[in-house]
Amino acid sequence: MIVDVDAQTTLVAIELDDWTHSSKARQKADDKKDKALASAGIAMVRFHAERMPSADMLRYELMQVIESY
């Protein structure tokens, strides 16, 4: 989770997905988690652990989500 400077407002949730996220059961659990966060007004950003972007790309992608959500 990334929180605002007030330490009380969640801006975005981050999850690193590995190979286990390709199973049907895990995808169903991920969908449920994504819907719960969305209903609370929290964006979920997923990154594949095997294809981790650079720190600069992570920062850019997260700021895009935070600014548009």
PDB file of N, CA and C in Angstrom:
ATOM      1  N   MET A   1       0.837  -1.172   0.000  1.00  0.00           N
ATOM      2  CA  MET A   1       0.000   0.000   0.000  1.00  0.00           C
ATOM      3  C   MET A   1       0.884   1.237   0.000  1.00  0.00           C
ATOM      4  N   ILE A   2       0.414   2.218  -0.712  1.00  0.00           N
ATOM      5  CA  ILE A   2       1.019   3.549  -0.654  1.00  0.00           C
ATOM      6  C   ILE A   2      -0.036   4.459  -0.051  1.00  0.00           C
ATOM      7  N   VAL A   3       0.359   5.187   0.983  1.00  0.00           N
ATOM      8  CA  VAL A   3      -0.569   6.091   1.654  1.00  0.00           C
ATOM      9  C   VAL A   3      -0.144   7.534   1.440  1.00  0.00           C
ATOM     10  N   ASP A   4      -1.105   8.433   1.566  1.00  0.00           N
ATOM     11  CA  ASP A   4      -0.854   9.857   1.435  1.00  0.00           C
ATOM     12  C   ASP A   4      -0.040  10.328   2.639  1.00  0.00           C
ATOM     13  N   VAL A   5       0.451  11.553   2.555  1.00  0.00           N
ATOM     14  CA  VAL A   5       1.296  12.090   3.627  1.00  0.00           C
ATOM     15  C   VAL A   5       0.575  12.146   4.972  1.00  0.00           C
ATOM     16  N   ASP A   6      -0.744  12.129   4.961  1.00  0.00           N
ATOM     17  CA  ASP A   6      -1.481  12.128   6.222  1.00  0.00           C
ATOM     18  C   ASP A   6      -1.452  10.761   6.907  1.00  0.00           C
ATOM     19  N   ALA A   7      -0.908   9.759   6.220  1.00  0.00           N
ATOM     20  CA  ALA A   7      -0.781   8.387   6.727  1.00  0.00           C
ATOM     21  C   ALA A   7      -2.126   7.742   7.037  1.00  0.00           C
ATOM     22  N   GLN A   8      -3.196   8.319   6.516  1.00  0.00           N
ATOM     23  CA  GLN A   8      -4.520   7.760   6.760  1.00  0.00           C
ATOM     24  C   GLN A   8      -5.289   7.501   5.475  1.00  0.00           C
ATOM     25  N   THR A   9      -4.816   8.035   4.361  1.00  0.00           N
ATOM     26  CA  THR A   9      -5.501   7.869   3.092  1.00  0.00           C
ATOM     27  C   THR A   9      -4.701   6.928   2.211  1.00  0.00           C
ATOM     28  N   THR A  10      -5.302   5.789   1.884  1.00  0.00           N
ATOM     29  CA  THR A  10      -4.641   4.827   1.003  1.00  0.00           C
ATOM     30  C   THR A  10      -4.791   5.300  -0.435  1.00  0.00           C
ATOM     31  N   LEU A  11      -3.674   5.412  -1.124  1.00  0.00           N
ATOM     32  CA  LEU A  11      -3.684   5.883  -2.509  1.00  0.00           C
ATOM     33  C   LEU A  11      -3.747   4.738  -3.511  1.00  0.00           C
ATOM     34  N   VAL A  12      -3.024   3.664  -3.241  1.00  0.00           N
ATOM     35  CA  VAL A  12      -2.983   2.545  -4.178  1.00  0.00           C
ATOM     36  C   VAL A  12      -2.462   1.303  -3.459  1.00  0.00           C
ATOM     37  N   ALA A  13      -2.968   0.149  -3.860  1.00  0.00           N
ATOM     38  CA  ALA A  13      -2.458  -1.130  -3.366  1.00  0.00           C
ATOM     39  C   ALA A  13      -1.597  -1.742  -4.467  1.00  0.00           C
ATOM     40  N   ILE A  14      -0.524  -2.393  -4.071  1.00  0.00           N
ATOM     41  CA  ILE A  14       0.406  -2.993  -5.028  1.00  0.00           C
ATOM     42  C   ILE A  14       0.530  -4.474  -4.718  1.00  0.00           C
ATOM     43  N   GLU A  15       0.474  -5.286  -5.762  1.00  0.00           N
ATOM     44  CA  GLU A  15       0.683  -6.719  -5.567  1.00  0.00           C
ATOM     45  C   GLU A  15       1.661  -7.233  -6.616  1.00  0.00           C
ATOM     46  N   LEU A  16       2.597  -8.041  -6.163  1.00  0.00           N
ATOM     47  CA  LEU A  16       3.530  -8.698  -7.067  1.00  0.00           C
ATOM     48  C   LEU A  16       2.996 -10.096  -7.348  1.00  0.00           C
ATOM     49  N   ASP A  17       2.700 -10.367  -8.596  1.00  0.00           N
ATOM     50  CA  ASP A  17       2.155 -11.666  -8.992  1.00  0.00           C
ATOM     51  C   ASP A  17       3.269 -12.564  -9.505  1.00  0.00           C
ATOM     52  N   ASP A  18       3.296 -13.788  -9.000  1.00  0.00           N
ATOM     53  CA  ASP A  18       4.249 -14.764  -9.508  1.00  0.00           C
ATOM     54  C   ASP A  18       3.480 -15.821 -10.313  1.00  0.00           C
ATOM     55  N   TRP A  19       4.132 -16.930 -10.592  1.00  0.00           N
ATOM     56  CA  TRP A  19       3.515 -17.962 -11.433  1.00  0.00           C
ATOM     57  C   TRP A  19       2.246 -18.532 -10.823  1.00  0.00           C
ATOM     58  N   THR A  20       2.068 -18.457  -9.514  1.00  0.00           N
ATOM     59  CA  THR A  20       0.871 -19.022  -8.886  1.00  0.00           C
ATOM     60  C   THR A  20      -0.401 -18.274  -9.270  1.00  0.00           C
ATOM     61  N   HIS A  21      -0.262 -17.069  -9.763  1.00  0.00           N
ATOM     62  CA  HIS A  21      -1.436 -16.263 -10.114  1.00  0.00           C
ATOM     63  C   HIS A  21      -2.073 -16.679 -11.443  1.00  0.00           C
ATOM     64  N   SER A  22      -1.505 -17.680 -12.102  1.00  0.00           N
ATOM     65  CA  SER A  22      -2.097 -18.144 -13.355  1.00  0.00           C
ATOM     66  C   SER A  22      -3.126 -19.252 -13.130  1.00  0.00           C
ATOM     67  N   SER A  23      -3.240 -19.753 -11.900  1.00  0.00           N
ATOM     68  CA  SER A  23      -4.234 -20.798 -11.629  1.00  0.00           C
ATOM     69  C   SER A  23      -5.621 -20.173 -11.528  1.00  0.00           C
ATOM     70  N   LYS A  24      -6.636 -20.951 -11.865  1.00  0.00           N
ATOM     71  CA  LYS A  24      -8.025 -20.462 -11.826  1.00  0.00           C
ATOM     72  C   LYS A  24      -8.423 -20.022 -10.418  1.00  0.00           C
ATOM     73  N   ALA A  25      -8.037 -20.810  -9.423  1.00  0.00           N
ATOM     74  CA  ALA A  25      -8.401 -20.479  -8.042  1.00  0.00           C
ATOM     75  C   ALA A  25      -7.763 -19.169  -7.611  1.00  0.00           C
ATOM     76  N   ARG A  26      -6.516 -18.976  -7.968  1.00  0.00           N
ATOM     77  CA  ARG A  26      -5.821 -17.733  -7.591  1.00  0.00           C
ATOM     78  C   ARG A  26      -6.401 -16.538  -8.330  1.00  0.00           C
ATOM     79  N   GLN A  27      -6.760 -16.728  -9.597  1.00  0.00           N
ATOM     80  CA  GLN A  27      -7.367 -15.639 -10.357  1.00  0.00           C
ATOM     81  C   GLN A  27      -8.706 -15.232  -9.753  1.00  0.00           C
ATOM     82  N   LYS A  28      -9.464 -16.223  -9.294  1.00  0.00           N
ATOM     83  CA  LYS A  28     -10.747 -15.925  -8.649  1.00  0.00           C
ATOM     84  C   LYS A  28     -10.522 -15.134  -7.358  1.00  0.00           C
ATOM     85  N   ALA A  29      -9.525 -15.545  -6.568  1.00  0.00           N
ATOM     86  CA  ALA A  29      -9.208 -14.831  -5.331  1.00  0.00           C
ATOM     87  C   ALA A  29      -8.721 -13.412  -5.637  1.00  0.00           C
ATOM     88  N   ASP A  30      -7.898 -13.265  -6.680  1.00  0.00           N
ATOM     89  CA  ASP A  30      -7.419 -11.939  -7.071  1.00  0.00           C
ATOM     90  C   ASP A  30      -8.570 -11.047  -7.515  1.00  0.00           C
ATOM     91  N   ASP A  31      -9.513 -11.601  -8.278  1.00  0.00           N
ATOM     92  CA  ASP A  31     -10.679 -10.824  -8.713  1.00  0.00           C
ATOM     93  C   ASP A  31     -11.488 -10.335  -7.515  1.00  0.00           C
ATOM     94  N   LYS A  32     -11.659 -11.215  -6.543  1.00  0.00           N
ATOM     95  CA  LYS A  32     -12.409 -10.852  -5.332  1.00  0.00           C
ATOM     96  C   LYS A  32     -11.694  -9.728  -4.581  1.00  0.00           C
ATOM     97  N   LYS A  33     -10.376  -9.851  -4.463  1.00  0.00           N
ATOM     98  CA  LYS A  33      -9.579  -8.826  -3.784  1.00  0.00           C
ATOM     99  C   LYS A  33      -9.654  -7.495  -4.534  1.00  0.00           C
ATOM    100  N   ASP A  34      -9.528  -7.556  -5.865  1.00  0.00           N
ATOM    101  CA  ASP A  34      -9.597  -6.342  -6.677  1.00  0.00           C
ATOM    102  C   ASP A  34     -10.944  -5.637  -6.523  1.00  0.00           C
ATOM    103  N   LYS A  35     -12.023  -6.416  -6.525  1.00  0.00           N
ATOM    104  CA  LYS A  35     -13.365  -5.834  -6.378  1.00  0.00           C
ATOM    105  C   LYS A  35     -13.547  -5.210  -4.997  1.00  0.00           C
ATOM    106  N   ALA A  36     -13.046  -5.874  -3.958  1.00  0.00           N
ATOM    107  CA  ALA A  36     -13.170  -5.331  -2.604  1.00  0.00           C
ATOM    108  C   ALA A  36     -12.416  -4.007  -2.487  1.00  0.00           C
ATOM    109  N   LEU A  37     -11.203  -3.956  -3.035  1.00  0.00           N
ATOM    110  CA  LEU A  37     -10.437  -2.715  -2.986  1.00  0.00           C
ATOM    111  C   LEU A  37     -11.120  -1.621  -3.803  1.00  0.00           C
ATOM    112  N   ALA A  38     -11.608  -1.972  -4.998  1.00  0.00           N
ATOM    113  CA  ALA A  38     -12.290  -0.984  -5.842  1.00  0.00           C
ATOM    114  C   ALA A  38     -13.528  -0.426  -5.140  1.00  0.00           C
ATOM    115  N   SER A  39     -14.268  -1.288  -4.436  1.00  0.00           N
ATOM    116  CA  SER A  39     -15.466  -0.802  -3.746  1.00  0.00           C
ATOM    117  C   SER A  39     -15.111   0.136  -2.593  1.00  0.00           C
ATOM    118  N   ALA A  40     -13.874   0.024  -2.106  1.00  0.00           N
ATOM    119  CA  ALA A  40     -13.394   0.934  -1.058  1.00  0.00           C
ATOM    120  C   ALA A  40     -12.708   2.163  -1.649  1.00  0.00           C
ATOM    121  N   GLY A  41     -12.697   2.254  -2.989  1.00  0.00           N
ATOM    122  CA  GLY A  41     -12.082   3.401  -3.645  1.00  0.00           C
ATOM    123  C   GLY A  41     -10.568   3.331  -3.725  1.00  0.00           C
ATOM    124  N   ILE A  42     -10.021   2.107  -3.665  1.00  0.00           N
ATOM    125  CA  ILE A  42      -8.571   1.921  -3.700  1.00  0.00           C
ATOM    126  C   ILE A  42      -8.191   1.195  -4.982  1.00  0.00           C
ATOM    127  N   ALA A  43      -7.312   1.796  -5.734  1.00  0.00           N
ATOM    128  CA  ALA A  43      -6.841   1.170  -6.973  1.00  0.00           C
ATOM    129  C   ALA A  43      -5.848   0.060  -6.644  1.00  0.00           C
ATOM    130  N   MET A  44      -5.867  -1.010  -7.447  1.00  0.00           N
ATOM    131  CA  MET A  44      -4.903  -2.110  -7.309  1.00  0.00           C
ATOM    132  C   MET A  44      -4.003  -2.097  -8.537  1.00  0.00           C
ATOM    133  N   VAL A  45      -2.707  -2.135  -8.294  1.00  0.00           N
ATOM    134  CA  VAL A  45      -1.738  -2.220  -9.385  1.00  0.00           C
ATOM    135  C   VAL A  45      -0.978  -3.526  -9.212  1.00  0.00           C
ATOM    136  N   ARG A  46      -0.942  -4.304 -10.266  1.00  0.00           N
ATOM    137  CA  ARG A  46      -0.253  -5.596 -10.230  1.00  0.00           C
ATOM    138  C   ARG A  46       0.969  -5.560 -11.132  1.00  0.00           C
ATOM    139  N   PHE A  47       2.032  -6.127 -10.626  1.00  0.00           N
ATOM    140  CA  PHE A  47       3.250  -6.288 -11.412  1.00  0.00           C
ATOM    141  C   PHE A  47       3.623  -7.761 -11.377  1.00  0.00           C
ATOM    142  N   HIS A  48       4.109  -8.265 -12.492  1.00  0.00           N
ATOM    143  CA  HIS A  48       4.565  -9.652 -12.555  1.00  0.00           C
ATOM    144  C   HIS A  48       5.984  -9.719 -12.009  1.00  0.00           C
ATOM    145  N   ALA A  49       6.178 -10.559 -11.013  1.00  0.00           N
ATOM    146  CA  ALA A  49       7.477 -10.657 -10.341  1.00  0.00           C
ATOM    147  C   ALA A  49       8.593 -11.052 -11.305  1.00  0.00           C
ATOM    148  N   GLU A  50       8.255 -11.864 -12.307  1.00  0.00           N
ATOM    149  CA  GLU A  50       9.281 -12.307 -13.252  1.00  0.00           C
ATOM    150  C   GLU A  50       9.712 -11.197 -14.209  1.00  0.00           C
ATOM    151  N   ARG A  51       8.855 -10.186 -14.367  1.00  0.00           N
ATOM    152  CA  ARG A  51       9.144  -9.096 -15.312  1.00  0.00           C
ATOM    153  C   ARG A  51       9.103  -7.744 -14.596  1.00  0.00           C
ATOM    154  N   MET A  52       9.773  -7.662 -13.479  1.00  0.00           N
ATOM    155  CA  MET A  52       9.736  -6.430 -12.695  1.00  0.00           C
ATOM    156  C   MET A  52      10.315  -5.255 -13.474  1.00  0.00           C
ATOM    157  N   PRO A  53       9.558  -4.175 -13.544  1.00  0.00           N
ATOM    158  CA  PRO A  53      10.077  -2.968 -14.202  1.00  0.00           C
ATOM    159  C   PRO A  53      11.106  -2.263 -13.311  1.00  0.00           C
ATOM    160  N   SER A  54      11.800  -1.327 -13.883  1.00  0.00           N
ATOM    161  CA  SER A  54      12.781  -0.541 -13.127  1.00  0.00           C
ATOM    162  C   SER A  54      12.061   0.325 -12.089  1.00  0.00           C
ATOM    163  N   ALA A  55      12.816   0.848 -11.154  1.00  0.00           N
ATOM    164  CA  ALA A  55      12.246   1.730 -10.128  1.00  0.00           C
ATOM    165  C   ALA A  55      11.596   2.960 -10.765  1.00  0.00           C
ATOM    166  N   ASP A  56      12.230   3.499 -11.798  1.00  0.00           N
ATOM    167  CA  ASP A  56      11.651   4.667 -12.474  1.00  0.00           C
ATOM    168  C   ASP A  56      10.318   4.321 -13.131  1.00  0.00           C
ATOM    169  N   MET A  57      10.243   3.143 -13.744  1.00  0.00           N
ATOM    170  CA  MET A  57       8.996   2.733 -14.391  1.00  0.00           C
ATOM    171  C   MET A  57       7.922   2.444 -13.349  1.00  0.00           C
ATOM    172  N   LEU A  58       8.289   1.833 -12.238  1.00  0.00           N
ATOM    173  CA  LEU A  58       7.326   1.615 -11.153  1.00  0.00           C
ATOM    174  C   LEU A  58       6.745   2.943 -10.675  1.00  0.00           C
ATOM    175  N   ARG A  59       7.635   3.887 -10.413  1.00  0.00           N
ATOM    176  CA  ARG A  59       7.215   5.212  -9.946  1.00  0.00           C
ATOM    177  C   ARG A  59       6.270   5.860 -10.955  1.00  0.00           C
ATOM    178  N   TYR A  60       6.622   5.804 -12.232  1.00  0.00           N
ATOM    179  CA  TYR A  60       5.793   6.407 -13.279  1.00  0.00           C
ATOM    180  C   TYR A  60       4.408   5.748 -13.325  1.00  0.00           C
ATOM    181  N   GLU A  61       4.379   4.423 -13.357  1.00  0.00           N
ATOM    182  CA  GLU A  61       3.094   3.718 -13.450  1.00  0.00           C
ATOM    183  C   GLU A  61       2.226   3.971 -12.226  1.00  0.00           C
ATOM    184  N   LEU A  62       2.824   3.976 -11.051  1.00  0.00           N
ATOM    185  CA  LEU A  62       2.048   4.234  -9.841  1.00  0.00           C
ATOM    186  C   LEU A  62       1.508   5.656  -9.811  1.00  0.00           C
ATOM    187  N   MET A  63       2.305   6.627 -10.221  1.00  0.00           N
ATOM    188  CA  MET A  63       1.826   8.012 -10.255  1.00  0.00           C
ATOM    189  C   MET A  63       0.694   8.180 -11.271  1.00  0.00           C
ATOM    190  N   GLN A  64       0.765   7.474 -12.401  1.00  0.00           N
ATOM    191  CA  GLN A  64      -0.318   7.528 -13.378  1.00  0.00           C
ATOM    192  C   GLN A  64      -1.630   7.046 -12.757  1.00  0.00           C
ATOM    193  N   VAL A  65      -1.580   5.954 -12.008  1.00  0.00           N
ATOM    194  CA  VAL A  65      -2.778   5.405 -11.378  1.00  0.00           C
ATOM    195  C   VAL A  65      -3.283   6.350 -10.298  1.00  0.00           C
ATOM    196  N   ILE A  66      -2.390   6.827  -9.462  1.00  0.00           N
ATOM    197  CA  ILE A  66      -2.798   7.725  -8.368  1.00  0.00           C
ATOM    198  C   ILE A  66      -3.436   8.988  -8.915  1.00  0.00           C
ATOM    199  N   GLU A  67      -2.873   9.569  -9.947  1.00  0.00           N
ATOM    200  CA  GLU A  67      -3.413  10.812 -10.510  1.00  0.00           C
ATOM    201  C   GLU A  67      -4.735  10.607 -11.239  1.00  0.00           C
ATOM    202  N   SER A  68      -4.987   9.413 -11.753  1.00  0.00           N
ATOM    203  CA  SER A  68      -6.211   9.196 -12.525  1.00  0.00           C
ATOM    204  C   SER A  68      -7.333   8.560 -11.712  1.00  0.00           C
ATOM    205  N   TYR A  69      -7.058   8.120 -10.507  1.00  0.00           N
ATOM    206  CA  TYR A  69      -8.071   7.382  -9.746  1.00  0.00           C
ATOM    207  C   TYR A  69      -8.944   8.295  -8.941  1.00  0.00           C
TER     208      TYR A  69
END
